[in-house]
Amino acid sequence: MANMRIKSQWFRSGASRTPQQTASAMAFIAWRVAQNMLKQMRTAHFDIEVGPPYFAFTREVLVFFTQVLDRMAFERMGPQARGEFITALVKRVAEILQDNEEGLLGATPAGAPSYYNQFIDLFNELADHYAEFGFDAAGPDFAFVRYLGHRIEALMPQKDQRWVVDQIMAAEVPVALEMLQRALVNVLATEARPARASHGVASGD
């Protein structure tokens, strides 16, 4: 995961972004980081099958990421901007998930919640749980990350359950959070940056 390249700088520097623009960029980046985490888990020989298990894992990780990004935003935005940011972030992540789930699995059956609503419902269900955990300059506390580990554990086949919490906590989350924090700093930056051919717009559009 450490070698993954993420574009998180804007072509046009020097102007502040709206919370919605920041959220759109970070939603796309969070999706990329979640997909890379899944890839790394498979490389470590954890069985996450393509199909519903793939998206169940991804939903859990993205709820965790949105909670972390909300805490990061608390340190960098005023209350109103933070509220607008997290609302737009959750909705944009839900849209990205829906697009990908429909592309792979097809639409949900008639009368069943859409993939979009499934993510929103999971976010709302877990928001109070994650709110109980601590977050400081070093990032989420032990219980915060362990909660994700146990959520993922419940999704895994029995043969993988013994090891998955340690894998999530010790190997996957620290690198993912470093990438998200660096990306958020870059997306929020307003100072002019030297142009580099390898950088582009980070956007969920």
N, C-alpha and C. Protein backbone atom coordinates (compact mmCIF):
# COMPACT_ATOMS: atom_id res chain seq x y z
N MET A 1 0.82 -1.21 0.00
CA MET A 1 0.00 0.00 0.00
C MET A 1 0.85 1.25 0.00
N ALA A 2 2.05 1.18 0.55
CA ALA A 2 2.88 2.37 0.67
C ALA A 2 3.28 2.93 -0.69
N ASN A 3 3.29 2.09 -1.75
CA ASN A 3 3.71 2.54 -3.07
C ASN A 3 2.56 3.08 -3.91
N MET A 4 1.36 3.08 -3.38
CA MET A 4 0.21 3.56 -4.13
C MET A 4 0.31 5.07 -4.33
N ARG A 5 0.08 5.50 -5.55
CA ARG A 5 0.13 6.92 -5.88
C ARG A 5 -1.27 7.48 -5.91
N ILE A 6 -1.49 8.58 -5.21
CA ILE A 6 -2.80 9.22 -5.18
C ILE A 6 -2.63 10.68 -5.58
N LYS A 7 -3.41 11.12 -6.54
CA LYS A 7 -3.39 12.52 -6.95
C LYS A 7 -4.28 13.31 -6.00
N SER A 8 -3.66 14.22 -5.24
CA SER A 8 -4.44 14.96 -4.25
C SER A 8 -4.12 16.44 -4.29
N GLN A 9 -3.55 16.91 -5.39
CA GLN A 9 -3.29 18.34 -5.56
C GLN A 9 -4.13 18.85 -6.72
N TRP A 10 -4.48 20.11 -6.65
CA TRP A 10 -5.33 20.73 -7.65
C TRP A 10 -4.45 21.41 -8.71
N PHE A 11 -4.95 21.47 -9.92
CA PHE A 11 -4.24 22.20 -10.96
C PHE A 11 -4.16 23.68 -10.62
N ARG A 12 -5.25 24.23 -10.11
CA ARG A 12 -5.32 25.68 -9.88
C ARG A 12 -5.20 25.92 -8.38
N SER A 13 -4.00 26.33 -7.96
CA SER A 13 -3.77 26.60 -6.55
C SER A 13 -4.07 28.07 -6.26
N GLY A 14 -4.08 28.40 -4.97
CA GLY A 14 -4.22 29.78 -4.58
C GLY A 14 -5.61 30.20 -4.16
N ALA A 15 -6.59 29.30 -4.24
CA ALA A 15 -7.95 29.63 -3.84
C ALA A 15 -8.48 28.53 -2.94
N SER A 16 -9.26 28.93 -1.95
CA SER A 16 -9.84 27.94 -1.05
C SER A 16 -10.93 27.16 -1.78
N ARG A 17 -11.18 25.93 -1.32
CA ARG A 17 -12.20 25.09 -1.92
C ARG A 17 -13.43 25.09 -1.03
N THR A 18 -14.57 24.88 -1.61
CA THR A 18 -15.78 24.74 -0.80
C THR A 18 -15.72 23.39 -0.07
N PRO A 19 -16.46 23.26 1.02
CA PRO A 19 -16.52 21.95 1.68
C PRO A 19 -16.98 20.85 0.74
N GLN A 20 -17.88 21.19 -0.17
CA GLN A 20 -18.38 20.18 -1.10
C GLN A 20 -17.30 19.74 -2.08
N GLN A 21 -16.47 20.69 -2.54
CA GLN A 21 -15.37 20.33 -3.43
C GLN A 21 -14.36 19.45 -2.70
N THR A 22 -14.04 19.82 -1.49
CA THR A 22 -13.11 19.02 -0.70
C THR A 22 -13.67 17.62 -0.48
N ALA A 23 -14.96 17.53 -0.18
CA ALA A 23 -15.60 16.23 0.06
C ALA A 23 -15.58 15.36 -1.18
N SER A 24 -15.83 15.96 -2.35
CA SER A 24 -15.82 15.19 -3.59
C SER A 24 -14.44 14.60 -3.85
N ALA A 25 -13.41 15.41 -3.65
CA ALA A 25 -12.05 14.93 -3.84
C ALA A 25 -11.72 13.82 -2.85
N MET A 26 -12.06 14.02 -1.57
CA MET A 26 -11.70 13.04 -0.55
C MET A 26 -12.52 11.76 -0.67
N ALA A 27 -13.73 11.84 -1.19
CA ALA A 27 -14.52 10.63 -1.39
C ALA A 27 -13.85 9.72 -2.41
N PHE A 28 -13.37 10.31 -3.48
CA PHE A 28 -12.67 9.52 -4.51
C PHE A 28 -11.39 8.93 -3.95
N ILE A 29 -10.65 9.72 -3.19
CA ILE A 29 -9.41 9.23 -2.60
C ILE A 29 -9.70 8.11 -1.59
N ALA A 30 -10.71 8.30 -0.74
CA ALA A 30 -11.07 7.25 0.22
C ALA A 30 -11.43 5.96 -0.49
N TRP A 31 -12.16 6.06 -1.59
CA TRP A 31 -12.50 4.87 -2.38
C TRP A 31 -11.24 4.17 -2.87
N ARG A 32 -10.30 4.95 -3.40
CA ARG A 32 -9.05 4.36 -3.90
C ARG A 32 -8.28 3.67 -2.78
N VAL A 33 -8.19 4.32 -1.63
CA VAL A 33 -7.46 3.73 -0.51
C VAL A 33 -8.15 2.47 -0.01
N ALA A 34 -9.48 2.47 0.03
CA ALA A 34 -10.22 1.28 0.44
C ALA A 34 -9.99 0.12 -0.53
N GLN A 35 -9.99 0.42 -1.83
CA GLN A 35 -9.73 -0.63 -2.81
C GLN A 35 -8.33 -1.18 -2.68
N ASN A 36 -7.39 -0.32 -2.38
CA ASN A 36 -6.02 -0.78 -2.22
C ASN A 36 -5.87 -1.62 -0.95
N MET A 37 -6.59 -1.24 0.11
CA MET A 37 -6.56 -2.05 1.33
C MET A 37 -7.10 -3.44 1.05
N LEU A 38 -8.19 -3.53 0.30
CA LEU A 38 -8.75 -4.83 -0.05
C LEU A 38 -7.73 -5.65 -0.84
N LYS A 39 -7.06 -5.01 -1.77
CA LYS A 39 -6.03 -5.70 -2.56
C LYS A 39 -4.92 -6.22 -1.66
N GLN A 40 -4.50 -5.41 -0.70
CA GLN A 40 -3.44 -5.84 0.21
C GLN A 40 -3.90 -7.00 1.08
N MET A 41 -5.15 -6.99 1.49
CA MET A 41 -5.68 -8.10 2.28
C MET A 41 -5.64 -9.39 1.48
N ARG A 42 -6.00 -9.31 0.23
CA ARG A 42 -5.94 -10.50 -0.61
C ARG A 42 -4.51 -10.97 -0.80
N THR A 43 -3.59 -10.04 -0.97
CA THR A 43 -2.18 -10.39 -1.10
C THR A 43 -1.69 -11.12 0.15
N ALA A 44 -2.24 -10.74 1.30
CA ALA A 44 -1.90 -11.40 2.56
C ALA A 44 -2.69 -12.69 2.78
N HIS A 45 -3.40 -13.15 1.73
CA HIS A 45 -4.09 -14.44 1.71
C HIS A 45 -5.36 -14.48 2.55
N PHE A 46 -6.01 -13.33 2.70
CA PHE A 46 -7.35 -13.31 3.28
C PHE A 46 -8.36 -13.45 2.15
N ASP A 47 -9.34 -14.33 2.35
CA ASP A 47 -10.32 -14.60 1.29
C ASP A 47 -11.46 -13.59 1.35
N ILE A 48 -11.46 -12.69 0.37
CA ILE A 48 -12.56 -11.73 0.20
C ILE A 48 -13.02 -11.88 -1.24
N GLU A 49 -14.11 -12.59 -1.43
CA GLU A 49 -14.55 -12.93 -2.77
C GLU A 49 -15.15 -11.73 -3.48
N VAL A 50 -14.97 -11.72 -4.81
CA VAL A 50 -15.63 -10.71 -5.63
C VAL A 50 -17.13 -10.94 -5.55
N GLY A 51 -17.87 -9.86 -5.36
CA GLY A 51 -19.31 -9.96 -5.19
C GLY A 51 -19.72 -9.33 -3.88
N PRO A 52 -20.79 -9.80 -3.24
CA PRO A 52 -21.23 -9.19 -1.98
C PRO A 52 -20.17 -9.11 -0.90
N PRO A 53 -19.29 -10.12 -0.69
CA PRO A 53 -18.26 -9.97 0.34
C PRO A 53 -17.30 -8.80 0.06
N TYR A 54 -17.00 -8.60 -1.20
CA TYR A 54 -16.12 -7.50 -1.62
C TYR A 54 -16.71 -6.16 -1.18
N PHE A 55 -18.00 -5.98 -1.40
CA PHE A 55 -18.62 -4.70 -1.07
C PHE A 55 -18.95 -4.59 0.41
N ALA A 56 -19.20 -5.71 1.08
CA ALA A 56 -19.40 -5.66 2.53
C ALA A 56 -18.13 -5.17 3.22
N PHE A 57 -16.99 -5.68 2.79
CA PHE A 57 -15.70 -5.22 3.31
C PHE A 57 -15.51 -3.74 3.01
N THR A 58 -15.76 -3.35 1.77
CA THR A 58 -15.53 -1.97 1.35
C THR A 58 -16.42 -1.00 2.11
N ARG A 59 -17.68 -1.36 2.34
CA ARG A 59 -18.58 -0.48 3.09
C ARG A 59 -18.06 -0.24 4.50
N GLU A 60 -17.63 -1.29 5.16
CA GLU A 60 -17.12 -1.14 6.53
C GLU A 60 -15.90 -0.22 6.56
N VAL A 61 -15.00 -0.42 5.64
CA VAL A 61 -13.79 0.40 5.60
C VAL A 61 -14.13 1.85 5.30
N LEU A 62 -15.06 2.08 4.39
CA LEU A 62 -15.41 3.45 4.03
C LEU A 62 -16.17 4.16 5.15
N VAL A 63 -16.98 3.45 5.91
CA VAL A 63 -17.59 4.08 7.08
C VAL A 63 -16.50 4.51 8.06
N PHE A 64 -15.53 3.64 8.29
CA PHE A 64 -14.41 3.98 9.16
C PHE A 64 -13.66 5.20 8.63
N PHE A 65 -13.37 5.21 7.33
CA PHE A 65 -12.65 6.34 6.75
C PHE A 65 -13.43 7.64 6.89
N THR A 66 -14.75 7.60 6.66
CA THR A 66 -15.52 8.83 6.78
C THR A 66 -15.52 9.34 8.22
N GLN A 67 -15.55 8.42 9.18
CA GLN A 67 -15.48 8.83 10.58
C GLN A 67 -14.13 9.47 10.89
N VAL A 68 -13.07 8.90 10.38
CA VAL A 68 -11.73 9.45 10.60
C VAL A 68 -11.61 10.82 9.93
N LEU A 69 -12.09 10.94 8.71
CA LEU A 69 -11.99 12.22 8.00
C LEU A 69 -12.82 13.29 8.69
N ASP A 70 -13.93 12.92 9.29
CA ASP A 70 -14.71 13.87 10.07
C ASP A 70 -13.89 14.40 11.24
N ARG A 71 -13.18 13.52 11.93
CA ARG A 71 -12.33 13.96 13.05
C ARG A 71 -11.18 14.84 12.54
N MET A 72 -10.60 14.48 11.42
CA MET A 72 -9.54 15.30 10.84
C MET A 72 -10.07 16.68 10.45
N ALA A 73 -11.30 16.71 9.92
CA ALA A 73 -11.89 17.98 9.53
C ALA A 73 -12.14 18.87 10.73
N PHE A 74 -12.44 18.28 11.87
CA PHE A 74 -12.67 19.04 13.09
C PHE A 74 -11.46 19.91 13.43
N GLU A 75 -10.28 19.43 13.11
CA GLU A 75 -9.06 20.17 13.41
C GLU A 75 -8.76 21.25 12.38
N ARG A 76 -9.42 21.21 11.24
CA ARG A 76 -9.04 22.08 10.13
C ARG A 76 -10.15 22.97 9.61
N MET A 77 -11.39 22.76 10.04
CA MET A 77 -12.53 23.51 9.53
C MET A 77 -13.37 24.05 10.68
N GLY A 78 -14.11 25.11 10.42
CA GLY A 78 -15.09 25.58 11.38
C GLY A 78 -16.27 24.65 11.43
N PRO A 79 -17.13 24.79 12.44
CA PRO A 79 -18.25 23.87 12.61
C PRO A 79 -19.16 23.77 11.40
N GLN A 80 -19.50 24.91 10.79
CA GLN A 80 -20.40 24.87 9.63
C GLN A 80 -19.75 24.17 8.46
N ALA A 81 -18.50 24.50 8.17
CA ALA A 81 -17.80 23.88 7.04
C ALA A 81 -17.62 22.39 7.28
N ARG A 82 -17.31 22.03 8.51
CA ARG A 82 -17.16 20.61 8.83
C ARG A 82 -18.46 19.86 8.60
N GLY A 83 -19.57 20.43 9.04
CA GLY A 83 -20.86 19.78 8.83
C GLY A 83 -21.18 19.61 7.36
N GLU A 84 -20.92 20.63 6.56
CA GLU A 84 -21.16 20.54 5.13
C GLU A 84 -20.23 19.51 4.49
N PHE A 85 -18.98 19.48 4.96
CA PHE A 85 -18.00 18.54 4.42
C PHE A 85 -18.43 17.10 4.67
N ILE A 86 -18.77 16.76 5.90
CA ILE A 86 -19.07 15.35 6.20
C ILE A 86 -20.36 14.92 5.53
N THR A 87 -21.35 15.81 5.44
CA THR A 87 -22.59 15.46 4.75
C THR A 87 -22.32 15.17 3.28
N ALA A 88 -21.56 16.05 2.63
CA ALA A 88 -21.25 15.85 1.21
C ALA A 88 -20.35 14.64 1.02
N LEU A 89 -19.42 14.40 1.94
CA LEU A 89 -18.52 13.25 1.84
C LEU A 89 -19.30 11.94 1.87
N VAL A 90 -20.18 11.79 2.85
CA VAL A 90 -20.93 10.54 2.99
C VAL A 90 -21.80 10.31 1.75
N LYS A 91 -22.45 11.36 1.26
CA LYS A 91 -23.31 11.20 0.09
C LYS A 91 -22.49 10.83 -1.15
N ARG A 92 -21.32 11.46 -1.30
CA ARG A 92 -20.50 11.16 -2.49
C ARG A 92 -19.92 9.76 -2.42
N VAL A 93 -19.49 9.33 -1.24
CA VAL A 93 -19.01 7.95 -1.09
C VAL A 93 -20.13 6.97 -1.42
N ALA A 94 -21.34 7.26 -0.95
CA ALA A 94 -22.48 6.39 -1.24
C ALA A 94 -22.75 6.31 -2.74
N GLU A 95 -22.59 7.44 -3.45
CA GLU A 95 -22.78 7.43 -4.90
C GLU A 95 -21.74 6.58 -5.60
N ILE A 96 -20.48 6.70 -5.17
CA ILE A 96 -19.40 5.91 -5.78
C ILE A 96 -19.65 4.42 -5.54
N LEU A 97 -20.03 4.08 -4.33
CA LEU A 97 -20.34 2.69 -4.03
C LEU A 97 -21.49 2.17 -4.89
N GLN A 98 -22.55 2.95 -4.99
CA GLN A 98 -23.69 2.52 -5.78
C GLN A 98 -23.30 2.29 -7.23
N ASP A 99 -22.54 3.20 -7.81
CA ASP A 99 -22.12 3.04 -9.20
C ASP A 99 -21.35 1.74 -9.39
N ASN A 100 -20.46 1.43 -8.45
CA ASN A 100 -19.62 0.23 -8.59
C ASN A 100 -20.41 -1.04 -8.28
N GLU A 101 -21.28 -1.01 -7.29
CA GLU A 101 -22.07 -2.20 -6.98
C GLU A 101 -23.04 -2.51 -8.10
N GLU A 102 -23.70 -1.51 -8.63
CA GLU A 102 -24.62 -1.75 -9.74
C GLU A 102 -23.87 -2.29 -10.95
N GLY A 103 -22.65 -1.78 -11.17
CA GLY A 103 -21.87 -2.25 -12.30
C GLY A 103 -21.48 -3.71 -12.18
N LEU A 104 -21.25 -4.18 -10.96
CA LEU A 104 -20.81 -5.56 -10.76
C LEU A 104 -21.97 -6.50 -10.44
N LEU A 105 -22.89 -6.05 -9.62
CA LEU A 105 -23.94 -6.93 -9.11
C LEU A 105 -25.31 -6.69 -9.75
N GLY A 106 -25.46 -5.57 -10.46
CA GLY A 106 -26.77 -5.20 -10.96
C GLY A 106 -27.56 -4.46 -9.90
N ALA A 107 -28.70 -3.93 -10.27
CA ALA A 107 -29.52 -3.16 -9.34
C ALA A 107 -30.06 -4.06 -8.24
N THR A 108 -30.38 -3.47 -7.10
CA THR A 108 -30.99 -4.23 -6.02
C THR A 108 -32.41 -4.65 -6.42
N PRO A 109 -32.91 -5.74 -5.83
CA PRO A 109 -34.27 -6.18 -6.16
C PRO A 109 -35.31 -5.11 -5.83
N ALA A 110 -36.43 -5.16 -6.52
CA ALA A 110 -37.51 -4.21 -6.27
C ALA A 110 -37.95 -4.30 -4.81
N GLY A 111 -38.05 -3.14 -4.18
CA GLY A 111 -38.46 -3.07 -2.79
C GLY A 111 -37.32 -3.13 -1.80
N ALA A 112 -36.12 -3.54 -2.24
CA ALA A 112 -34.96 -3.59 -1.36
C ALA A 112 -34.27 -2.22 -1.34
N PRO A 113 -33.58 -1.88 -0.26
CA PRO A 113 -32.86 -0.59 -0.22
C PRO A 113 -31.80 -0.53 -1.32
N SER A 114 -31.64 0.63 -1.89
CA SER A 114 -30.58 0.81 -2.89
C SER A 114 -29.22 0.65 -2.22
N TYR A 115 -28.18 0.44 -3.01
CA TYR A 115 -26.82 0.38 -2.46
C TYR A 115 -26.47 1.70 -1.78
N TYR A 116 -26.94 2.79 -2.37
CA TYR A 116 -26.71 4.11 -1.78
C TYR A 116 -27.28 4.16 -0.37
N ASN A 117 -28.54 3.74 -0.23
CA ASN A 117 -29.18 3.79 1.08
C ASN A 117 -28.58 2.80 2.06
N GLN A 118 -28.09 1.68 1.56
CA GLN A 118 -27.43 0.71 2.45
C GLN A 118 -26.20 1.34 3.11
N PHE A 119 -25.44 2.12 2.34
CA PHE A 119 -24.27 2.76 2.92
C PHE A 119 -24.68 3.85 3.91
N ILE A 120 -25.66 4.67 3.53
CA ILE A 120 -26.13 5.73 4.43
C ILE A 120 -26.64 5.12 5.74
N ASP A 121 -27.40 4.04 5.63
CA ASP A 121 -27.93 3.39 6.83
C ASP A 121 -26.81 2.85 7.72
N LEU A 122 -25.79 2.25 7.10
CA LEU A 122 -24.67 1.71 7.89
C LEU A 122 -23.90 2.85 8.56
N PHE A 123 -23.68 3.93 7.83
CA PHE A 123 -23.00 5.09 8.41
C PHE A 123 -23.77 5.60 9.62
N ASN A 124 -25.08 5.76 9.47
CA ASN A 124 -25.89 6.27 10.58
C ASN A 124 -25.91 5.30 11.76
N GLU A 125 -25.95 4.01 11.47
CA GLU A 125 -25.96 3.00 12.53
C GLU A 125 -24.67 3.03 13.35
N LEU A 126 -23.54 3.21 12.67
CA LEU A 126 -22.25 3.11 13.35
C LEU A 126 -21.72 4.44 13.86
N ALA A 127 -22.34 5.55 13.47
CA ALA A 127 -21.82 6.87 13.86
C ALA A 127 -21.75 7.02 15.37
N ASP A 128 -22.79 6.59 16.07
CA ASP A 128 -22.77 6.71 17.53
C ASP A 128 -21.73 5.80 18.16
N HIS A 129 -21.50 4.63 17.55
CA HIS A 129 -20.49 3.72 18.06
C HIS A 129 -19.10 4.35 17.97
N TYR A 130 -18.77 4.85 16.77
CA TYR A 130 -17.45 5.46 16.58
C TYR A 130 -17.29 6.73 17.41
N ALA A 131 -18.39 7.41 17.69
CA ALA A 131 -18.31 8.65 18.47
C ALA A 131 -17.81 8.41 19.89
N GLU A 132 -17.91 7.18 20.36
CA GLU A 132 -17.46 6.86 21.71
C GLU A 132 -15.94 6.74 21.81
N PHE A 133 -15.26 6.64 20.67
CA PHE A 133 -13.83 6.39 20.67
C PHE A 133 -13.03 7.69 20.56
N GLY A 134 -11.79 7.63 20.98
CA GLY A 134 -10.95 8.82 21.01
C GLY A 134 -10.18 9.05 19.72
N PHE A 135 -9.81 10.30 19.52
CA PHE A 135 -9.03 10.70 18.35
C PHE A 135 -8.22 11.92 18.76
N ASP A 136 -6.90 11.88 18.50
CA ASP A 136 -6.05 13.02 18.84
C ASP A 136 -5.06 13.25 17.71
N ALA A 137 -4.01 14.00 17.99
CA ALA A 137 -3.04 14.35 16.94
C ALA A 137 -2.38 13.11 16.34
N ALA A 138 -2.34 12.02 17.11
CA ALA A 138 -1.75 10.78 16.61
C ALA A 138 -2.73 9.96 15.79
N GLY A 139 -4.01 10.36 15.79
CA GLY A 139 -5.01 9.64 15.03
C GLY A 139 -6.00 8.93 15.93
N PRO A 140 -6.73 7.96 15.40
CA PRO A 140 -7.73 7.24 16.19
C PRO A 140 -7.08 6.40 17.27
N ASP A 141 -7.76 6.26 18.40
CA ASP A 141 -7.18 5.47 19.48
C ASP A 141 -7.34 3.98 19.20
N PHE A 142 -6.78 3.17 20.11
CA PHE A 142 -6.75 1.72 19.94
C PHE A 142 -8.15 1.15 19.75
N ALA A 143 -9.09 1.60 20.58
CA ALA A 143 -10.45 1.06 20.52
C ALA A 143 -11.14 1.42 19.20
N PHE A 144 -10.85 2.60 18.69
CA PHE A 144 -11.42 3.08 17.41
C PHE A 144 -11.04 2.10 16.30
N VAL A 145 -9.75 1.78 16.21
CA VAL A 145 -9.27 0.90 15.14
C VAL A 145 -9.69 -0.55 15.41
N ARG A 146 -9.65 -0.96 16.66
CA ARG A 146 -10.04 -2.33 16.99
C ARG A 146 -11.50 -2.59 16.62
N TYR A 147 -12.34 -1.56 16.78
CA TYR A 147 -13.75 -1.73 16.42
C TYR A 147 -13.89 -2.08 14.94
N LEU A 148 -13.14 -1.37 14.09
CA LEU A 148 -13.15 -1.73 12.67
C LEU A 148 -12.68 -3.17 12.50
N GLY A 149 -11.61 -3.53 13.18
CA GLY A 149 -11.09 -4.89 13.06
C GLY A 149 -12.13 -5.94 13.38
N HIS A 150 -12.89 -5.72 14.44
CA HIS A 150 -13.91 -6.69 14.81
C HIS A 150 -15.10 -6.67 13.84
N ARG A 151 -15.40 -5.51 13.28
CA ARG A 151 -16.44 -5.45 12.25
C ARG A 151 -16.03 -6.27 11.03
N ILE A 152 -14.76 -6.16 10.63
CA ILE A 152 -14.26 -6.93 9.49
C ILE A 152 -14.19 -8.41 9.85
N GLU A 153 -13.79 -8.72 11.07
CA GLU A 153 -13.70 -10.11 11.51
C GLU A 153 -15.01 -10.85 11.28
N ALA A 154 -16.12 -10.18 11.56
CA ALA A 154 -17.43 -10.81 11.42
C ALA A 154 -17.78 -11.14 9.96
N LEU A 155 -17.09 -10.50 9.02
CA LEU A 155 -17.36 -10.72 7.61
C LEU A 155 -16.51 -11.83 7.01
N MET A 156 -15.46 -12.23 7.70
CA MET A 156 -14.47 -13.13 7.13
C MET A 156 -14.83 -14.59 7.34
N PRO A 157 -14.35 -15.48 6.45
CA PRO A 157 -14.53 -16.91 6.70
C PRO A 157 -13.80 -17.31 7.98
N GLN A 158 -14.24 -18.39 8.58
CA GLN A 158 -13.71 -18.78 9.89
C GLN A 158 -12.20 -18.94 9.90
N LYS A 159 -11.63 -19.44 8.82
CA LYS A 159 -10.19 -19.68 8.78
C LYS A 159 -9.38 -18.40 8.90
N ASP A 160 -9.98 -17.26 8.54
CA ASP A 160 -9.27 -15.98 8.56
C ASP A 160 -9.55 -15.15 9.80
N GLN A 161 -10.54 -15.54 10.59
CA GLN A 161 -10.97 -14.68 11.69
C GLN A 161 -9.91 -14.53 12.77
N ARG A 162 -9.08 -15.54 12.95
CA ARG A 162 -8.08 -15.49 14.02
C ARG A 162 -7.05 -14.40 13.79
N TRP A 163 -6.78 -14.11 12.52
CA TRP A 163 -5.66 -13.23 12.18
C TRP A 163 -6.08 -11.85 11.70
N VAL A 164 -7.34 -11.69 11.34
CA VAL A 164 -7.72 -10.50 10.58
C VAL A 164 -7.66 -9.23 11.41
N VAL A 165 -7.98 -9.28 12.70
CA VAL A 165 -7.96 -8.06 13.52
C VAL A 165 -6.55 -7.50 13.59
N ASP A 166 -5.56 -8.37 13.83
CA ASP A 166 -4.17 -7.91 13.86
C ASP A 166 -3.75 -7.35 12.52
N GLN A 167 -4.17 -7.98 11.43
CA GLN A 167 -3.81 -7.48 10.10
C GLN A 167 -4.37 -6.08 9.87
N ILE A 168 -5.62 -5.89 10.22
CA ILE A 168 -6.25 -4.59 10.05
C ILE A 168 -5.56 -3.53 10.90
N MET A 169 -5.34 -3.85 12.17
CA MET A 169 -4.83 -2.86 13.11
C MET A 169 -3.36 -2.53 12.90
N ALA A 170 -2.56 -3.56 12.67
CA ALA A 170 -1.11 -3.36 12.62
C ALA A 170 -0.58 -3.05 11.23
N ALA A 171 -1.22 -3.60 10.20
CA ALA A 171 -0.67 -3.48 8.86
C ALA A 171 -1.44 -2.54 7.95
N GLU A 172 -2.77 -2.62 7.96
CA GLU A 172 -3.55 -1.92 6.95
C GLU A 172 -3.94 -0.50 7.36
N VAL A 173 -4.48 -0.35 8.54
CA VAL A 173 -5.00 0.96 8.94
C VAL A 173 -3.92 2.03 9.06
N PRO A 174 -2.77 1.76 9.68
CA PRO A 174 -1.79 2.84 9.82
C PRO A 174 -1.37 3.46 8.49
N VAL A 175 -1.14 2.63 7.48
CA VAL A 175 -0.73 3.15 6.18
C VAL A 175 -1.88 3.89 5.51
N ALA A 176 -3.08 3.33 5.60
CA ALA A 176 -4.24 3.99 4.99
C ALA A 176 -4.49 5.36 5.59
N LEU A 177 -4.37 5.46 6.92
CA LEU A 177 -4.63 6.74 7.57
C LEU A 177 -3.57 7.78 7.22
N GLU A 178 -2.34 7.35 7.09
CA GLU A 178 -1.29 8.27 6.67
C GLU A 178 -1.60 8.84 5.29
N MET A 179 -2.09 7.99 4.41
CA MET A 179 -2.43 8.44 3.06
C MET A 179 -3.60 9.40 3.08
N LEU A 180 -4.61 9.11 3.88
CA LEU A 180 -5.78 9.99 3.95
C LEU A 180 -5.41 11.35 4.54
N GLN A 181 -4.60 11.34 5.59
CA GLN A 181 -4.22 12.61 6.21
C GLN A 181 -3.40 13.46 5.25
N ARG A 182 -2.46 12.84 4.57
CA ARG A 182 -1.64 13.59 3.61
C ARG A 182 -2.51 14.14 2.48
N ALA A 183 -3.45 13.33 2.02
CA ALA A 183 -4.33 13.78 0.94
C ALA A 183 -5.19 14.95 1.38
N LEU A 184 -5.74 14.89 2.60
CA LEU A 184 -6.60 15.98 3.06
C LEU A 184 -5.81 17.27 3.19
N VAL A 185 -4.59 17.19 3.70
CA VAL A 185 -3.74 18.38 3.79
C VAL A 185 -3.52 18.97 2.40
N ASN A 186 -3.22 18.12 1.43
CA ASN A 186 -2.98 18.60 0.07
C ASN A 186 -4.24 19.20 -0.57
N VAL A 187 -5.38 18.54 -0.35
CA VAL A 187 -6.62 19.03 -0.95
C VAL A 187 -7.02 20.38 -0.35
N LEU A 188 -6.75 20.56 0.93
CA LEU A 188 -7.12 21.81 1.59
C LEU A 188 -6.11 22.93 1.35
N ALA A 189 -4.92 22.59 0.87
CA ALA A 189 -3.87 23.59 0.69
C ALA A 189 -4.29 24.63 -0.34
N THR A 190 -3.98 25.89 -0.06
CA THR A 190 -4.32 26.97 -0.98
C THR A 190 -3.09 27.66 -1.56
N GLU A 191 -1.90 27.34 -1.01
CA GLU A 191 -0.72 28.02 -1.54
C GLU A 191 -0.38 27.47 -2.92
N ALA A 192 0.26 28.30 -3.73
CA ALA A 192 0.66 27.88 -5.06
C ALA A 192 1.69 26.79 -4.94
N ARG A 193 1.61 25.79 -5.83
CA ARG A 193 2.54 24.66 -5.83
C ARG A 193 3.22 24.57 -7.19
N PRO A 194 4.45 24.12 -7.23
CA PRO A 194 5.10 23.92 -8.53
C PRO A 194 4.33 22.90 -9.36
N ALA A 195 4.19 23.21 -10.64
CA ALA A 195 3.49 22.28 -11.52
C ALA A 195 4.33 21.04 -11.73
N ARG A 196 3.68 19.88 -11.65
CA ARG A 196 4.34 18.61 -11.92
C ARG A 196 3.44 17.78 -12.81
N ALA A 197 4.03 17.18 -13.83
CA ALA A 197 3.24 16.45 -14.81
C ALA A 197 2.50 15.29 -14.20
N SER A 198 2.98 14.74 -13.06
CA SER A 198 2.37 13.55 -12.49
C SER A 198 1.18 13.87 -11.61
N HIS A 199 0.89 15.14 -11.35
CA HIS A 199 -0.20 15.51 -10.47
C HIS A 199 -1.38 16.02 -11.28
N GLY A 200 -2.56 15.76 -10.79
CA GLY A 200 -3.77 16.24 -11.44
C GLY A 200 -4.84 16.57 -10.45
N VAL A 201 -6.02 16.77 -10.91
CA VAL A 201 -7.14 17.11 -10.04
C VAL A 201 -7.60 15.85 -9.33
N ALA A 202 -7.74 15.94 -8.01
CA ALA A 202 -8.36 14.85 -7.26
C ALA A 202 -9.83 15.16 -7.13
N SER A 203 -10.66 14.37 -7.74
CA SER A 203 -12.09 14.69 -7.73
C SER A 203 -12.89 13.42 -7.79
N GLY A 204 -14.05 13.47 -7.15
CA GLY A 204 -14.97 12.34 -7.24
C GLY A 204 -15.94 12.50 -8.38
N ASP A 205 -15.82 13.57 -9.13
CA ASP A 205 -16.78 13.78 -10.23
C ASP A 205 -16.48 12.84 -11.38
